């Protein structure tokens, strides 16, 4: 293990459990471990597939659009 990865794991280990799990899933996904993926609720599958297609096409929200959306949730 590299020094950087070792340091990242130690830092991640200080975070709340749910954040640690999310980091672990991301690391496993990046490493090609498809078992780390969480199943998609069938009710949300259409939205997930649409979002993936938009990402492939480079269609991302602008900072202004993101700020407007987050403001609705008090962010």
N, C-alpha and C. Protein backbone atom coordinates (compact mmCIF):
# COMPACT_ATOMS: atom_id res chain seq x y z
N UNK A 1 0.86 -1.17 0.00
CA UNK A 1 0.00 0.00 0.00
C UNK A 1 0.91 1.23 0.00
N UNK A 2 0.52 2.23 -0.79
CA UNK A 2 1.32 3.45 -0.82
C UNK A 2 1.11 4.27 0.44
N UNK A 3 2.02 5.17 0.70
CA UNK A 3 1.89 6.05 1.87
C UNK A 3 0.64 6.91 1.76
N UNK A 4 0.33 7.38 0.56
CA UNK A 4 -0.85 8.24 0.37
C UNK A 4 -2.13 7.46 0.66
N UNK A 5 -2.24 6.25 0.13
CA UNK A 5 -3.44 5.45 0.38
C UNK A 5 -3.55 5.10 1.86
N UNK A 6 -2.44 4.76 2.48
CA UNK A 6 -2.45 4.47 3.91
C UNK A 6 -2.93 5.68 4.71
N UNK A 7 -2.45 6.86 4.35
CA UNK A 7 -2.89 8.08 5.04
C UNK A 7 -4.38 8.32 4.82
N UNK A 8 -4.84 8.13 3.58
CA UNK A 8 -6.26 8.34 3.27
C UNK A 8 -7.14 7.40 4.09
N UNK A 9 -6.72 6.16 4.22
CA UNK A 9 -7.50 5.18 5.00
C UNK A 9 -7.54 5.58 6.47
N UNK A 10 -6.41 6.05 7.00
CA UNK A 10 -6.38 6.49 8.40
C UNK A 10 -7.29 7.69 8.61
N UNK A 11 -7.27 8.65 7.69
CA UNK A 11 -8.14 9.82 7.82
C UNK A 11 -9.61 9.40 7.70
N UNK A 12 -9.91 8.55 6.74
CA UNK A 12 -11.29 8.08 6.56
C UNK A 12 -11.77 7.34 7.81
N UNK A 13 -10.87 6.67 8.50
CA UNK A 13 -11.22 5.93 9.70
C UNK A 13 -11.68 6.81 10.85
N UNK A 14 -11.45 8.11 10.75
CA UNK A 14 -11.89 9.03 11.81
C UNK A 14 -13.28 9.60 11.54
N UNK A 15 -13.83 9.29 10.39
CA UNK A 15 -15.13 9.84 9.99
C UNK A 15 -16.26 8.97 10.51
N UNK A 16 -17.50 9.50 10.50
CA UNK A 16 -18.65 8.70 10.93
C UNK A 16 -18.79 7.42 10.08
N UNK A 17 -19.40 6.40 10.67
CA UNK A 17 -19.52 5.10 10.01
C UNK A 17 -20.16 5.19 8.62
N UNK A 18 -21.24 5.97 8.47
CA UNK A 18 -21.91 6.04 7.18
C UNK A 18 -21.00 6.65 6.11
N UNK A 19 -20.17 7.61 6.49
CA UNK A 19 -19.24 8.22 5.55
C UNK A 19 -18.13 7.23 5.21
N UNK A 20 -17.66 6.49 6.22
CA UNK A 20 -16.65 5.47 5.97
C UNK A 20 -17.16 4.43 4.97
N UNK A 21 -18.41 4.02 5.14
CA UNK A 21 -18.98 3.03 4.22
C UNK A 21 -19.07 3.59 2.80
N UNK A 22 -19.43 4.83 2.66
CA UNK A 22 -19.53 5.45 1.33
C UNK A 22 -18.14 5.51 0.68
N UNK A 23 -17.14 5.90 1.45
CA UNK A 23 -15.77 5.95 0.93
C UNK A 23 -15.33 4.54 0.52
N UNK A 24 -15.65 3.55 1.34
CA UNK A 24 -15.28 2.17 1.03
C UNK A 24 -15.93 1.71 -0.27
N UNK A 25 -17.23 2.03 -0.45
CA UNK A 25 -17.91 1.67 -1.68
C UNK A 25 -17.26 2.32 -2.89
N UNK A 26 -16.91 3.61 -2.75
CA UNK A 26 -16.26 4.31 -3.86
C UNK A 26 -14.91 3.68 -4.19
N UNK A 27 -14.14 3.37 -3.17
CA UNK A 27 -12.82 2.75 -3.39
C UNK A 27 -12.98 1.40 -4.10
N UNK A 28 -13.91 0.59 -3.64
CA UNK A 28 -14.12 -0.72 -4.25
C UNK A 28 -14.61 -0.60 -5.68
N UNK A 29 -15.48 0.36 -5.92
CA UNK A 29 -15.97 0.59 -7.28
C UNK A 29 -14.82 1.01 -8.19
N UNK A 30 -14.00 1.95 -7.72
CA UNK A 30 -12.85 2.39 -8.51
C UNK A 30 -11.87 1.25 -8.77
N UNK A 31 -11.79 0.30 -7.84
CA UNK A 31 -10.89 -0.83 -7.99
C UNK A 31 -11.50 -1.93 -8.87
N UNK A 32 -12.73 -1.72 -9.32
CA UNK A 32 -13.37 -2.68 -10.21
C UNK A 32 -14.14 -3.78 -9.53
N UNK A 33 -14.44 -3.61 -8.25
CA UNK A 33 -15.20 -4.61 -7.50
C UNK A 33 -16.69 -4.29 -7.62
N UNK A 34 -17.36 -4.93 -8.57
CA UNK A 34 -18.78 -4.65 -8.79
C UNK A 34 -19.67 -5.11 -7.64
N UNK A 35 -19.15 -5.93 -6.73
CA UNK A 35 -19.93 -6.36 -5.59
C UNK A 35 -20.17 -5.23 -4.60
N UNK A 36 -19.44 -4.13 -4.76
CA UNK A 36 -19.58 -3.00 -3.84
C UNK A 36 -20.79 -2.14 -4.18
N UNK A 37 -21.35 -2.35 -5.37
CA UNK A 37 -22.48 -1.53 -5.80
C UNK A 37 -23.74 -1.90 -5.04
N UNK A 38 -24.50 -0.89 -4.69
CA UNK A 38 -25.77 -1.13 -4.02
C UNK A 38 -26.85 -1.32 -5.08
N UNK A 39 -27.79 -2.21 -4.84
CA UNK A 39 -28.85 -2.41 -5.83
C UNK A 39 -29.71 -1.15 -5.95
N UNK A 40 -30.21 -0.91 -7.15
CA UNK A 40 -31.07 0.24 -7.39
C UNK A 40 -32.52 -0.20 -7.19
N UNK A 41 -33.26 0.59 -6.41
CA UNK A 41 -34.68 0.34 -6.22
C UNK A 41 -35.35 0.41 -7.59
N UNK A 42 -36.12 -0.61 -7.96
CA UNK A 42 -36.77 -0.60 -9.28
C UNK A 42 -37.60 0.65 -9.54
N UNK A 43 -38.16 1.25 -8.49
CA UNK A 43 -38.95 2.47 -8.66
C UNK A 43 -38.09 3.65 -9.08
N UNK A 44 -36.77 3.58 -8.85
CA UNK A 44 -35.86 4.67 -9.17
C UNK A 44 -35.01 4.40 -10.40
N UNK A 45 -35.14 3.21 -10.97
CA UNK A 45 -34.26 2.80 -12.06
C UNK A 45 -34.31 3.74 -13.26
N UNK A 46 -35.51 4.16 -13.67
CA UNK A 46 -35.61 5.06 -14.82
C UNK A 46 -34.84 6.35 -14.57
N UNK A 47 -34.95 6.92 -13.38
CA UNK A 47 -34.25 8.15 -13.05
C UNK A 47 -32.74 7.95 -13.02
N UNK A 48 -32.30 6.83 -12.50
CA UNK A 48 -30.87 6.53 -12.45
C UNK A 48 -30.32 6.39 -13.86
N UNK A 49 -31.01 5.65 -14.71
CA UNK A 49 -30.56 5.47 -16.09
C UNK A 49 -30.55 6.79 -16.85
N UNK A 50 -31.55 7.62 -16.62
CA UNK A 50 -31.58 8.94 -17.26
C UNK A 50 -30.39 9.79 -16.80
N UNK A 51 -30.10 9.77 -15.51
CA UNK A 51 -28.97 10.53 -14.98
C UNK A 51 -27.64 10.04 -15.55
N UNK A 52 -27.49 8.73 -15.68
CA UNK A 52 -26.26 8.18 -16.26
C UNK A 52 -26.10 8.61 -17.72
N UNK A 53 -27.20 8.60 -18.46
CA UNK A 53 -27.15 9.02 -19.86
C UNK A 53 -26.80 10.51 -19.96
N UNK A 54 -27.36 11.32 -19.08
CA UNK A 54 -27.04 12.75 -19.08
C UNK A 54 -25.55 12.95 -18.75
N UNK A 55 -25.02 12.18 -17.82
CA UNK A 55 -23.61 12.30 -17.47
C UNK A 55 -22.73 11.90 -18.65
N UNK A 56 -23.09 10.81 -19.34
CA UNK A 56 -22.32 10.39 -20.51
C UNK A 56 -22.31 11.47 -21.59
N UNK A 57 -23.42 12.19 -21.70
CA UNK A 57 -23.55 13.24 -22.71
C UNK A 57 -22.93 14.55 -22.24
N UNK A 58 -22.43 14.58 -21.00
CA UNK A 58 -21.81 15.80 -20.48
C UNK A 58 -22.81 16.86 -20.05
N UNK A 59 -24.02 16.43 -19.78
CA UNK A 59 -25.09 17.36 -19.38
C UNK A 59 -25.13 17.45 -17.86
N UNK A 60 -24.50 18.49 -17.34
CA UNK A 60 -24.45 18.69 -15.90
C UNK A 60 -25.12 20.01 -15.54
N UNK A 61 -25.63 20.09 -14.33
CA UNK A 61 -26.25 21.33 -13.85
C UNK A 61 -25.18 22.39 -13.65
N UNK A 62 -25.56 23.64 -13.93
CA UNK A 62 -24.63 24.74 -13.69
C UNK A 62 -24.58 25.02 -12.18
N UNK A 63 -23.61 25.79 -11.76
CA UNK A 63 -23.52 26.17 -10.35
C UNK A 63 -24.78 26.91 -9.91
N UNK A 64 -25.31 27.76 -10.78
CA UNK A 64 -26.52 28.52 -10.44
C UNK A 64 -27.71 27.58 -10.27
N UNK A 65 -27.85 26.60 -11.16
CA UNK A 65 -28.94 25.64 -11.04
C UNK A 65 -28.81 24.82 -9.76
N UNK A 66 -27.61 24.42 -9.45
CA UNK A 66 -27.38 23.66 -8.23
C UNK A 66 -27.70 24.50 -6.99
N UNK A 67 -27.29 25.75 -6.99
CA UNK A 67 -27.57 26.64 -5.86
C UNK A 67 -29.07 26.82 -5.67
N UNK A 68 -29.81 26.99 -6.78
CA UNK A 68 -31.27 27.14 -6.68
C UNK A 68 -31.91 25.89 -6.08
N UNK A 69 -31.45 24.74 -6.53
CA UNK A 69 -32.01 23.49 -6.03
C UNK A 69 -31.71 23.31 -4.55
N UNK A 70 -30.46 23.54 -4.16
CA UNK A 70 -30.09 23.37 -2.76
C UNK A 70 -30.80 24.37 -1.85
N UNK A 71 -31.09 25.55 -2.37
CA UNK A 71 -31.77 26.57 -1.55
C UNK A 71 -33.16 26.11 -1.13
N UNK A 72 -33.77 25.24 -1.93
CA UNK A 72 -35.09 24.72 -1.59
C UNK A 72 -35.03 23.82 -0.37
N UNK A 73 -33.84 23.30 -0.05
CA UNK A 73 -33.66 22.41 1.09
C UNK A 73 -32.92 23.07 2.24
N UNK A 74 -32.81 24.39 2.18
CA UNK A 74 -32.18 25.13 3.25
C UNK A 74 -30.67 25.05 3.24
N UNK A 75 -30.09 24.67 2.13
CA UNK A 75 -28.62 24.55 2.03
C UNK A 75 -28.04 25.85 1.53
